[in-house]
N, C-alpha and C. Protein backbone atom coordinates (compact mmCIF):
# COMPACT_ATOMS: atom_id res chain seq x y z
N MET A 1 17.93 -14.15 11.07
CA MET A 1 18.10 -13.09 10.00
C MET A 1 17.09 -12.15 10.15
N HIS A 2 17.52 -10.97 9.95
CA HIS A 2 16.61 -9.78 10.47
C HIS A 2 15.70 -9.36 9.11
N ASP A 3 14.37 -9.24 9.22
CA ASP A 3 13.55 -8.65 8.26
C ASP A 3 13.27 -7.33 8.24
N PHE A 4 13.85 -6.64 7.17
CA PHE A 4 13.94 -5.18 7.31
C PHE A 4 12.69 -4.55 7.00
N ARG A 5 11.51 -5.41 6.62
CA ARG A 5 10.15 -4.81 6.51
C ARG A 5 9.54 -4.92 7.87
N GLU A 6 10.04 -5.25 8.90
CA GLU A 6 9.48 -4.98 10.23
C GLU A 6 9.93 -3.65 10.74
N GLU A 7 11.04 -3.09 10.26
CA GLU A 7 11.40 -1.77 10.86
C GLU A 7 10.48 -0.80 10.86
N ARG A 8 10.51 -0.07 11.79
CA ARG A 8 9.24 1.03 12.11
C ARG A 8 9.43 1.95 10.93
N TYR A 9 10.75 2.57 10.69
CA TYR A 9 10.67 3.69 9.76
C TYR A 9 10.43 3.21 8.31
N PHE A 10 10.62 1.91 7.81
CA PHE A 10 10.25 1.49 6.53
C PHE A 10 8.89 1.43 6.56
N LYS A 11 7.98 1.17 7.72
CA LYS A 11 6.56 0.91 7.71
C LYS A 11 6.10 2.28 7.56
N VAL A 12 6.75 3.30 8.30
CA VAL A 12 6.02 4.82 8.11
C VAL A 12 6.28 5.16 6.90
N TYR A 13 7.56 5.05 6.15
CA TYR A 13 7.55 5.55 4.84
C TYR A 13 6.86 4.80 3.83
N LEU A 14 6.44 3.55 3.82
CA LEU A 14 5.80 2.90 2.98
C LEU A 14 4.49 3.28 3.28
N VAL A 15 3.83 3.49 4.30
CA VAL A 15 2.55 3.87 4.42
C VAL A 15 2.30 5.43 4.08
N LEU A 16 3.49 6.25 4.40
CA LEU A 16 3.19 7.71 3.41
C LEU A 16 3.38 7.67 2.08
N PHE A 17 3.91 6.80 1.55
CA PHE A 17 4.32 6.70 0.18
C PHE A 17 3.01 6.20 -0.49
N ILE A 18 2.24 5.06 -0.05
CA ILE A 18 1.11 4.73 -0.41
C ILE A 18 0.06 5.86 -0.23
N THR A 19 -0.17 6.21 0.71
CA THR A 19 -1.03 7.52 0.91
C THR A 19 -0.81 8.69 -0.10
N ASN A 20 0.33 8.98 -0.23
CA ASN A 20 0.76 10.24 -1.00
C ASN A 20 0.30 9.97 -2.70
N PHE A 21 0.94 8.61 -2.99
CA PHE A 21 0.53 8.51 -4.44
C PHE A 21 -0.81 7.65 -4.92
N CYS A 22 -1.38 6.98 -3.99
CA CYS A 22 -2.57 6.13 -4.19
C CYS A 22 -3.84 6.61 -3.46
N GLY A 23 -3.63 7.75 -2.79
CA GLY A 23 -4.71 8.20 -1.79
C GLY A 23 -5.92 8.79 -2.61
N LYS A 24 -5.60 9.29 -3.80
CA LYS A 24 -6.82 9.93 -4.61
C LYS A 24 -6.71 9.31 -5.92
N ASN A 25 -7.92 9.42 -6.60
CA ASN A 25 -8.11 9.11 -8.08
C ASN A 25 -7.60 10.24 -8.79
N ASN A 26 -7.69 9.94 -10.22
CA ASN A 26 -7.40 11.06 -11.22
C ASN A 26 -8.27 12.41 -11.10
N ASN A 27 -9.40 12.14 -10.53
CA ASN A 27 -10.06 13.35 -10.20
C ASN A 27 -10.27 13.97 -8.94
N GLY A 28 -9.07 13.55 -8.16
CA GLY A 28 -8.59 14.24 -6.66
C GLY A 28 -9.79 13.76 -5.70
N ARG A 29 -10.43 12.63 -6.09
CA ARG A 29 -11.54 12.22 -5.00
C ARG A 29 -10.66 11.17 -4.10
N ASN A 30 -10.86 11.14 -2.75
CA ASN A 30 -10.40 10.17 -2.00
C ASN A 30 -10.73 8.65 -2.16
N ILE A 31 -9.85 7.82 -2.21
CA ILE A 31 -10.16 6.42 -2.47
C ILE A 31 -9.53 5.36 -1.64
N LEU A 32 -8.65 5.77 -0.75
CA LEU A 32 -7.98 5.03 0.09
C LEU A 32 -8.29 4.76 1.37
N THR A 33 -8.89 3.66 1.59
CA THR A 33 -9.25 3.18 3.05
C THR A 33 -8.33 2.70 3.66
N LEU A 34 -8.66 2.25 4.91
CA LEU A 34 -7.53 1.42 5.81
C LEU A 34 -7.19 0.09 5.13
N LYS A 35 -8.48 -0.75 4.76
CA LYS A 35 -8.72 -1.82 4.31
C LYS A 35 -7.55 -1.94 2.92
N LYS A 36 -7.78 -0.98 2.11
CA LYS A 36 -7.09 -0.80 1.02
C LYS A 36 -5.55 -0.53 1.06
N LEU A 37 -5.40 0.29 2.23
CA LEU A 37 -3.93 0.48 2.66
C LEU A 37 -3.22 -0.78 3.01
N GLU A 38 -3.91 -1.64 3.71
CA GLU A 38 -3.32 -2.66 4.25
C GLU A 38 -3.14 -3.84 3.08
N ILE A 39 -3.96 -3.95 2.05
CA ILE A 39 -3.95 -4.66 1.02
C ILE A 39 -2.56 -4.37 0.14
N ILE A 40 -2.71 -3.23 0.09
CA ILE A 40 -1.47 -2.61 -0.99
C ILE A 40 -0.11 -2.60 -0.23
N TYR A 41 -0.25 -2.38 1.04
CA TYR A 41 1.00 -2.63 2.08
C TYR A 41 1.53 -4.00 1.84
N PHE A 42 0.53 -4.87 2.04
CA PHE A 42 1.05 -6.39 1.90
C PHE A 42 1.51 -6.96 0.61
N LEU A 43 1.01 -6.19 -0.32
CA LEU A 43 1.51 -6.45 -1.79
C LEU A 43 2.78 -5.87 -2.16
N ILE A 44 3.04 -4.68 -1.71
CA ILE A 44 4.48 -3.93 -1.84
C ILE A 44 5.53 -4.74 -0.92
N GLN A 45 5.10 -5.34 0.07
CA GLN A 45 5.89 -6.00 1.17
C GLN A 45 6.33 -7.11 0.41
N ASN A 46 5.38 -7.74 -0.34
CA ASN A 46 5.63 -9.17 -0.96
C ASN A 46 5.66 -9.18 -2.45
N PRO A 47 6.89 -8.63 -3.15
CA PRO A 47 6.79 -8.54 -4.53
C PRO A 47 6.25 -9.66 -5.33
N ALA A 48 6.39 -10.94 -5.05
CA ALA A 48 5.86 -12.12 -5.50
C ALA A 48 4.52 -12.33 -5.53
N LYS A 49 3.80 -11.78 -4.65
CA LYS A 49 2.48 -11.70 -4.48
C LYS A 49 1.93 -10.66 -5.27
N PHE A 50 2.61 -9.58 -5.21
CA PHE A 50 2.18 -8.67 -5.94
C PHE A 50 2.04 -8.63 -7.39
N LYS A 51 3.21 -9.34 -7.73
CA LYS A 51 3.26 -9.98 -9.33
C LYS A 51 2.15 -10.90 -9.63
N GLU A 52 1.80 -11.82 -8.78
CA GLU A 52 0.82 -12.79 -8.97
C GLU A 52 -0.49 -12.12 -8.93
N PHE A 53 -0.90 -11.06 -7.87
CA PHE A 53 -2.01 -10.32 -8.02
C PHE A 53 -2.42 -9.51 -9.13
N CYS A 54 -1.22 -8.64 -9.65
CA CYS A 54 -1.47 -8.15 -10.93
C CYS A 54 -1.85 -9.05 -12.16
N ASN A 55 -1.21 -10.02 -12.21
CA ASN A 55 -1.40 -10.99 -13.35
C ASN A 55 -3.02 -11.74 -13.14
N LEU A 56 -3.27 -11.72 -11.90
CA LEU A 56 -4.62 -12.43 -11.56
C LEU A 56 -5.70 -11.35 -12.15
N LEU A 57 -5.32 -10.09 -11.94
CA LEU A 57 -6.45 -9.03 -12.06
C LEU A 57 -6.18 -8.26 -13.41
N ASN A 58 -5.31 -9.16 -14.37
CA ASN A 58 -4.98 -8.68 -15.77
C ASN A 58 -4.40 -7.49 -15.99
N LEU A 59 -3.36 -6.75 -14.91
CA LEU A 59 -2.93 -5.67 -15.02
C LEU A 59 -1.49 -5.72 -15.62
N GLY A 60 -1.05 -6.89 -15.99
CA GLY A 60 0.16 -7.15 -16.60
C GLY A 60 1.04 -7.29 -15.35
N ASN A 61 2.33 -7.69 -16.13
CA ASN A 61 3.63 -7.91 -15.18
C ASN A 61 4.06 -6.45 -14.57
N ILE A 62 4.56 -6.81 -13.22
CA ILE A 62 5.11 -5.53 -12.49
C ILE A 62 6.77 -5.51 -13.14
N THR A 63 7.22 -4.31 -13.12
CA THR A 63 8.45 -4.12 -13.43
C THR A 63 9.37 -3.98 -12.21
N GLY A 64 10.69 -4.35 -12.41
CA GLY A 64 11.56 -4.14 -11.35
C GLY A 64 11.69 -5.18 -10.43
N TYR A 65 11.08 -6.18 -10.57
CA TYR A 65 10.86 -7.23 -9.38
C TYR A 65 11.98 -8.24 -9.59
N LYS A 66 12.63 -8.34 -8.34
CA LYS A 66 13.71 -9.25 -8.31
C LYS A 66 13.34 -10.28 -7.25
N PRO A 67 13.35 -11.42 -7.37
CA PRO A 67 13.21 -12.51 -6.41
C PRO A 67 13.98 -12.42 -5.15
N THR A 68 13.33 -12.76 -4.11
CA THR A 68 14.09 -12.37 -2.77
C THR A 68 14.00 -13.70 -1.87
N LEU A 69 14.65 -13.33 -0.99
CA LEU A 69 14.63 -14.84 0.15
C LEU A 69 13.27 -14.91 0.87
N TYR A 70 12.48 -13.74 1.04
CA TYR A 70 11.09 -13.71 1.31
C TYR A 70 10.00 -14.21 0.47
N ASP A 71 10.22 -14.20 -0.68
CA ASP A 71 9.11 -14.60 -1.84
C ASP A 71 8.49 -15.88 -1.25
N GLN A 72 9.23 -17.12 -0.97
CA GLN A 72 8.77 -18.38 -0.61
C GLN A 72 8.12 -18.52 0.64
N SER A 73 8.29 -17.54 1.49
CA SER A 73 7.84 -17.84 2.89
C SER A 73 6.42 -17.01 3.17
N VAL A 74 5.97 -16.27 2.22
CA VAL A 74 4.77 -15.29 2.34
C VAL A 74 3.63 -16.03 2.19
N SER A 75 2.40 -16.08 3.02
CA SER A 75 1.05 -16.53 2.78
C SER A 75 0.14 -15.62 3.10
N LEU A 76 -1.12 -15.97 2.60
CA LEU A 76 -2.21 -15.22 3.12
C LEU A 76 -2.20 -14.93 4.80
N ILE A 77 -1.73 -15.68 5.43
CA ILE A 77 -1.72 -15.45 7.03
C ILE A 77 -1.10 -14.16 7.29
N ASP A 78 0.10 -13.95 6.43
CA ASP A 78 0.70 -12.52 6.75
C ASP A 78 -0.02 -11.59 6.55
N TYR A 79 -0.99 -11.53 5.57
CA TYR A 79 -1.90 -10.49 5.07
C TYR A 79 -2.98 -10.26 6.51
N LEU A 80 -3.34 -11.35 6.97
CA LEU A 80 -4.41 -11.31 8.04
C LEU A 80 -3.71 -10.82 9.57
N ASP A 81 -2.57 -10.68 9.46
CA ASP A 81 -1.75 -10.29 10.64
C ASP A 81 -1.15 -8.78 10.65
N LEU A 82 -1.90 -7.98 9.86
CA LEU A 82 -1.45 -6.57 9.72
C LEU A 82 -1.90 -5.43 10.87
N ASP A 83 -2.07 -5.78 11.85
CA ASP A 83 -2.58 -5.02 12.97
C ASP A 83 -1.63 -3.79 13.01
N ASN A 84 -0.16 -4.27 13.08
CA ASN A 84 0.72 -3.03 13.10
C ASN A 84 0.78 -2.00 12.26
N ILE A 85 -0.25 -2.14 11.20
CA ILE A 85 -0.06 -1.01 9.98
C ILE A 85 -1.30 -0.08 10.79
N LYS A 86 -2.27 -0.23 11.53
CA LYS A 86 -3.08 0.30 12.17
C LYS A 86 -2.38 1.34 13.12
N LEU A 87 -1.51 0.72 13.74
CA LEU A 87 -0.69 1.37 14.72
C LEU A 87 0.15 2.39 14.18
N THR A 88 0.91 2.07 12.82
CA THR A 88 1.74 2.94 12.03
C THR A 88 0.54 4.29 11.56
N VAL A 89 -0.23 3.82 11.15
CA VAL A 89 -1.35 5.00 10.78
C VAL A 89 -1.85 5.95 11.81
N CYS A 90 -2.08 5.26 13.02
CA CYS A 90 -2.30 6.01 14.49
C CYS A 90 -1.23 6.98 14.65
N TYR A 91 0.10 6.54 14.44
CA TYR A 91 1.25 7.27 14.84
C TYR A 91 1.21 8.46 13.87
N LEU A 92 1.00 8.26 12.46
CA LEU A 92 1.35 9.12 11.67
C LEU A 92 0.32 10.31 11.72
N ILE A 93 -1.28 9.81 12.13
CA ILE A 93 -2.15 10.58 12.50
C ILE A 93 -1.55 11.63 13.76
N ASN A 94 -1.02 10.85 14.55
CA ASN A 94 -0.73 11.62 15.93
C ASN A 94 0.14 12.70 15.56
N ILE A 95 1.24 12.43 14.71
CA ILE A 95 2.23 13.58 14.37
C ILE A 95 1.93 14.33 13.25
N GLY A 96 0.53 14.20 12.78
CA GLY A 96 0.14 15.19 11.95
C GLY A 96 0.46 15.15 10.57
N LYS A 97 1.02 13.78 10.13
CA LYS A 97 1.30 13.44 8.76
C LYS A 97 -0.02 12.91 8.07
N LEU A 98 -0.85 12.44 8.46
CA LEU A 98 -1.96 11.57 8.08
C LEU A 98 -3.09 12.25 8.66
N LYS A 99 -4.32 12.20 8.23
CA LYS A 99 -5.63 12.42 8.66
C LYS A 99 -6.55 11.50 8.17
N TYR A 100 -7.89 11.25 8.61
CA TYR A 100 -9.06 10.63 8.19
C TYR A 100 -9.69 11.99 7.75
N THR A 101 -10.52 11.54 6.66
CA THR A 101 -11.36 12.36 5.85
C THR A 101 -12.89 11.48 5.56
N ASN A 102 -13.86 11.92 6.20
CA ASN A 102 -15.17 11.27 6.36
C ASN A 102 -15.75 11.57 5.14
N VAL A 103 -16.07 10.92 4.12
CA VAL A 103 -16.97 11.46 3.07
C VAL A 103 -18.28 10.24 2.92
N LYS A 104 -19.45 10.69 3.15
CA LYS A 104 -20.69 9.90 2.99
C LYS A 104 -20.56 8.79 4.08
N GLY A 105 -20.24 8.74 5.09
CA GLY A 105 -20.02 7.88 6.29
C GLY A 105 -18.87 7.04 5.79
N ILE A 106 -17.73 6.94 4.99
CA ILE A 106 -16.83 6.35 4.97
C ILE A 106 -15.40 7.12 5.15
N GLN A 107 -14.53 6.44 5.85
CA GLN A 107 -13.42 7.20 6.24
C GLN A 107 -12.22 6.79 5.21
N TYR A 108 -11.66 7.81 4.91
CA TYR A 108 -10.69 7.55 3.92
C TYR A 108 -9.15 8.17 4.57
N ILE A 109 -8.03 7.88 4.16
CA ILE A 109 -6.71 7.96 4.72
C ILE A 109 -6.39 9.05 3.78
N ASP A 110 -5.89 10.24 4.25
CA ASP A 110 -5.29 11.22 3.44
C ASP A 110 -4.15 11.65 4.11
N ILE A 111 -3.11 12.13 3.17
CA ILE A 111 -1.82 12.72 3.54
C ILE A 111 -1.98 14.16 3.79
N VAL A 112 -1.44 14.81 4.96
CA VAL A 112 -1.47 16.07 5.29
C VAL A 112 -0.54 16.92 4.31
N ASP A 113 -0.93 17.89 3.83
CA ASP A 113 0.01 18.44 2.79
C ASP A 113 0.77 19.45 3.69
N ASP A 114 2.20 19.06 3.60
CA ASP A 114 3.04 19.99 4.65
C ASP A 114 4.16 20.49 3.72
N GLY A 115 4.17 20.40 2.47
CA GLY A 115 5.15 20.77 1.64
C GLY A 115 6.23 19.90 1.49
N ASP A 116 6.15 18.54 2.11
CA ASP A 116 7.27 17.59 2.26
C ASP A 116 7.15 16.66 1.02
N SER A 117 6.64 16.98 -0.11
CA SER A 117 6.39 15.93 -1.07
C SER A 117 7.59 15.43 -1.62
N ASP A 118 8.87 16.38 -1.69
CA ASP A 118 10.15 15.91 -2.01
C ASP A 118 10.68 14.55 -1.35
N PHE A 119 9.98 14.34 -0.19
CA PHE A 119 10.32 13.18 0.57
C PHE A 119 10.26 11.76 -0.32
N PHE A 120 9.46 12.01 -1.31
CA PHE A 120 9.36 10.56 -2.03
C PHE A 120 10.09 10.61 -3.44
N THR A 121 10.73 11.36 -3.77
CA THR A 121 11.46 11.57 -5.20
C THR A 121 12.31 10.50 -5.29
N ASP A 122 12.91 9.98 -4.24
CA ASP A 122 13.92 8.99 -4.58
C ASP A 122 13.52 7.67 -4.07
N SER A 123 12.23 7.32 -4.30
CA SER A 123 11.56 6.01 -3.96
C SER A 123 12.22 4.83 -4.81
N TYR A 124 12.43 3.76 -4.27
CA TYR A 124 12.71 2.63 -4.81
C TYR A 124 12.33 2.18 -6.12
N GLU A 125 12.63 1.36 -7.11
CA GLU A 125 12.50 1.32 -8.36
C GLU A 125 11.05 0.37 -8.15
N LEU A 126 10.84 -0.59 -7.59
CA LEU A 126 9.63 -1.49 -7.55
C LEU A 126 8.15 -0.71 -7.38
N LEU A 127 8.43 0.38 -6.46
CA LEU A 127 7.44 1.10 -6.18
C LEU A 127 7.05 2.13 -7.37
N THR A 128 8.10 2.97 -7.74
CA THR A 128 7.78 4.03 -8.68
C THR A 128 7.45 3.57 -10.06
N SER A 129 8.06 2.41 -10.38
CA SER A 129 7.91 1.92 -11.79
C SER A 129 6.49 1.09 -11.85
N ASN A 130 5.99 0.91 -10.77
CA ASN A 130 4.66 0.30 -10.78
C ASN A 130 3.60 1.11 -10.27
N ILE A 131 3.60 2.17 -10.07
CA ILE A 131 2.70 3.31 -9.54
C ILE A 131 1.34 3.15 -10.29
N ASN A 132 1.54 3.26 -11.35
CA ASN A 132 0.04 3.07 -11.89
C ASN A 132 -0.74 1.83 -11.72
N LYS A 133 -0.08 0.79 -11.66
CA LYS A 133 -0.65 -0.60 -11.20
C LYS A 133 -1.21 -0.33 -9.78
N LEU A 134 -0.63 0.12 -8.98
CA LEU A 134 -1.09 0.53 -7.52
C LEU A 134 -2.06 1.51 -7.41
N LYS A 135 -2.14 2.39 -8.44
CA LYS A 135 -3.49 3.17 -8.40
C LYS A 135 -4.55 2.33 -8.98
N LYS A 136 -4.56 1.76 -9.94
CA LYS A 136 -5.45 0.91 -10.35
C LYS A 136 -6.13 -0.06 -9.28
N ILE A 137 -5.28 -0.63 -8.55
CA ILE A 137 -5.66 -1.25 -7.50
C ILE A 137 -6.32 -0.58 -6.53
N THR A 138 -5.94 0.49 -6.18
CA THR A 138 -6.50 1.19 -5.16
C THR A 138 -8.05 1.58 -5.55
N SER A 139 -8.16 2.05 -6.97
CA SER A 139 -9.54 2.43 -7.34
C SER A 139 -10.44 1.25 -7.35
N MET A 140 -10.18 -0.03 -7.22
CA MET A 140 -11.04 -0.91 -7.25
C MET A 140 -11.61 -1.28 -5.90
N THR A 141 -12.87 -2.13 -5.69
CA THR A 141 -13.63 -2.15 -4.68
C THR A 141 -12.86 -2.94 -3.81
N GLU A 142 -13.27 -2.86 -2.26
CA GLU A 142 -12.59 -3.53 -1.35
C GLU A 142 -13.03 -5.11 -1.48
N PRO A 143 -14.14 -5.41 -1.70
CA PRO A 143 -14.65 -6.83 -2.15
C PRO A 143 -13.81 -7.55 -3.18
N LYS A 144 -13.61 -6.83 -4.30
CA LYS A 144 -13.05 -7.33 -5.45
C LYS A 144 -11.60 -7.67 -4.96
N LEU A 145 -10.73 -6.74 -4.19
CA LEU A 145 -9.70 -6.64 -3.98
C LEU A 145 -9.49 -8.08 -2.82
N LEU A 146 -10.15 -8.00 -1.89
CA LEU A 146 -10.17 -9.05 -1.11
C LEU A 146 -10.36 -10.42 -1.66
N LYS A 147 -11.37 -10.61 -2.53
CA LYS A 147 -11.56 -11.75 -3.35
C LYS A 147 -10.29 -12.26 -4.34
N SER A 148 -9.70 -11.24 -4.65
CA SER A 148 -8.55 -11.38 -5.67
C SER A 148 -7.44 -11.89 -4.92
N LEU A 149 -7.40 -11.24 -3.55
CA LEU A 149 -6.08 -11.58 -2.56
C LEU A 149 -6.48 -13.07 -2.10
N MET A 150 -7.68 -13.65 -1.89
CA MET A 150 -7.98 -14.85 -1.47
C MET A 150 -7.74 -15.61 -2.55
N GLY A 151 -7.53 -15.53 -3.67
CA GLY A 151 -7.38 -16.37 -4.76
C GLY A 151 -5.85 -16.38 -5.26
N LEU A 152 -4.95 -15.87 -4.44
CA LEU A 152 -3.47 -15.98 -4.39
C LEU A 152 -3.21 -17.46 -4.04
């Protein structure tokens, strides 16, 4: 069976979506590091884990969740094997869609504003209906996120 989550363009879209909507806090300050991107990417790809993660952090239930065939086969090992996200980020930096912004020695991933923001208006329901939860997760510290992820 083919896993759509391994498709190159799906990965590109998801990384751009996360960076566009979760890259900055409400004050406009960069908050998305590569580690946070990896965590959020993993959670979005695995809605059952996303649901469990939000409940663990007392963020409430996610909306738009529908169980899938993949839900039972996901483990933390899948998170630890996310080297392909780094390749996707490098690709997007290379084509001028993403950039690294260095603030006080911390590298943040930032989207390049090229007027293409309409690209995200037709995003699927799970992402758009839970964007506030994703933003809250992104604003948390990496150690807290990793600890919570290990608790799944």
